[in-house]
Structures are given as structure tokens and as C-alpha cells.
Protein backbone atom coordinates (compact mmCIF):
# COMPACT_ATOMS: atom_id res chain seq x y z
CA MET A 1 1.11 -14.06 4.67
CA LEU A 2 4.32 -12.89 3.09
CA THR A 3 7.66 -14.38 4.07
CA GLY A 4 10.71 -12.25 4.77
CA LYS A 5 12.23 -13.18 1.42
CA GLN A 6 9.05 -12.16 -0.42
CA LYS A 7 8.90 -8.84 1.44
CA ARG A 8 12.53 -8.10 0.53
CA TYR A 9 11.75 -8.84 -3.11
CA LEU A 10 8.68 -6.57 -3.07
CA ARG A 11 10.65 -3.79 -1.36
CA SER A 12 13.25 -3.99 -4.12
CA LEU A 13 10.48 -3.57 -6.72
CA ALA A 14 8.90 -0.68 -4.81
CA VAL A 15 12.11 1.38 -4.78
CA ASN A 16 11.58 2.40 -8.40
CA GLU A 17 7.85 3.09 -8.04
CA LYS A 18 6.33 6.46 -7.23
CA ALA A 19 3.53 6.93 -4.73
CA ILE A 20 0.27 6.95 -6.68
CA PHE A 21 -1.95 7.86 -3.72
CA GLN A 22 -1.68 10.67 -1.20
CA ILE A 23 -3.56 10.88 2.06
CA GLY A 24 -4.02 14.44 3.25
CA LYS A 25 -6.37 16.43 5.43
CA ASP A 26 -9.42 14.51 4.17
CA GLY A 27 -7.89 11.42 5.74
CA LEU A 28 -9.14 7.94 5.04
CA ASN A 29 -12.48 7.63 3.26
CA GLN A 30 -14.48 5.17 1.18
CA ASN A 31 -13.42 6.75 -2.14
CA LEU A 32 -9.77 6.21 -1.25
CA TYR A 33 -10.40 2.56 -0.36
CA THR A 34 -12.28 1.95 -3.62
CA SER A 35 -9.55 3.54 -5.73
CA LEU A 36 -6.85 1.70 -3.82
CA LYS A 37 -8.58 -1.66 -4.33
CA GLU A 38 -8.76 -1.02 -8.09
CA ALA A 39 -5.09 -0.02 -8.21
CA LEU A 40 -4.08 -3.12 -6.24
CA LYS A 41 -6.09 -5.29 -8.62
CA ALA A 42 -4.32 -3.73 -11.62
CA ARG A 43 -0.78 -3.40 -10.20
CA GLU A 44 -0.54 -5.66 -7.11
CA LEU A 45 2.09 -3.36 -5.55
CA VAL A 46 1.13 0.19 -4.56
CA LYS A 47 2.88 3.02 -2.73
CA VAL A 48 0.85 5.45 -0.64
CA SER A 49 2.21 8.75 0.65
CA VAL A 50 0.82 10.25 3.85
CA LEU A 51 1.06 14.03 3.88
CA LYS A 52 1.85 16.13 6.95
CA SER A 53 -1.69 17.53 6.85
CA CYS A 54 -3.14 14.09 7.66
CA GLU A 55 -4.35 14.14 11.25
CA THR A 56 -4.48 10.35 11.63
CA GLU A 57 -1.52 8.63 13.26
CA MET A 58 0.73 6.68 10.89
CA ASN A 59 0.13 3.40 12.74
CA GLU A 60 -3.64 3.82 12.42
CA VAL A 61 -3.33 4.66 8.72
CA THR A 62 -1.44 1.44 7.96
CA VAL A 63 -3.88 -0.71 9.95
CA GLU A 64 -6.92 0.89 8.31
CA LEU A 65 -5.47 0.62 4.79
CA CYS A 66 -4.68 -3.07 5.23
CA ALA A 67 -8.01 -3.86 6.89
CA ASN A 68 -10.19 -2.07 4.33
CA THR A 69 -8.38 -3.21 1.18
CA GLY A 70 -7.34 -6.74 2.15
CA ALA A 71 -3.74 -5.90 1.25
CA GLU A 72 -0.62 -6.92 3.11
CA LEU A 73 1.82 -4.39 4.50
CA VAL A 74 5.22 -4.67 2.85
CA GLN A 75 7.01 -1.64 4.25
CA VAL A 76 6.63 1.67 6.03
CA ILE A 77 9.38 4.23 5.55
CA GLY A 78 8.72 7.61 7.11
CA LYS A 79 5.39 8.71 5.67
CA THR A 80 5.30 6.20 2.81
CA VAL A 81 3.44 2.89 2.93
CA VAL A 82 3.94 0.01 0.48
CA LEU A 83 1.04 -2.43 0.09
CA TYR A 84 0.76 -5.72 -1.81
CA LYS A 85 -2.27 -7.76 -2.79
CA ARG A 86 -2.10 -10.69 -5.17
CA SER A 87 -4.57 -10.47 -8.06
CA ARG A 88 -6.03 -13.27 -10.14
CA GLU A 89 -3.88 -12.29 -13.12
CA ARG A 90 -0.52 -12.38 -11.40
CA LYS A 91 1.82 -9.65 -12.55
CA ILE A 92 4.46 -10.16 -9.87
CA ILE A 93 5.90 -13.64 -9.40
CA LEU A 94 7.08 -13.97 -5.81
CA PRO A 95 10.15 -16.06 -4.96
């Protein structure tokens, strides 16, 4: 569980990052979850963009992403979701 201070720190790091995943009309699927898990393992902090063509509600998308990847929700701004999952080789040192 992330504290408020840790979430603020992660949000400040995410500002400079670009979304590396996009969820569109195909919606959420197993390939997306697998790729997202690998990216979280390599980077720890990942931005996901949800396109207008996605038929799934934004709230459902965030719940499903967190549940299927084991990541924690850092932030949702508009149609962008920021996720964090600590890896064994820590790349981000939280305060």
C-alpha cells in the first residue's frame, strides 16, 4: 500500500513519462496484461492511455488493470492511468 507521500513522489516522476500502452476498441485482454506485467517488472512505473474507442468504463479499466497485474494505482487523470509495481531489482527508491 502506497502512502500519500509516495504517491506524490511517483506522480512527479510520471509527469515526464509518456504512455507506453494504449487501450482501444479491443479493450482489455490477456496479451495486454502480459505485456503490462513485463513492462512493470522492467520499469516499475507505467502510464497507460485509454482511447475514446474503448467501450469499457474508465473505473472498470483501472480496477481490471490493477487486479490482473498486481500493480497499485498511482493516479488517474482524464483518460490516462499511472500504475506502480515494485520489482525485485528496485529502480525507484520511494521516500
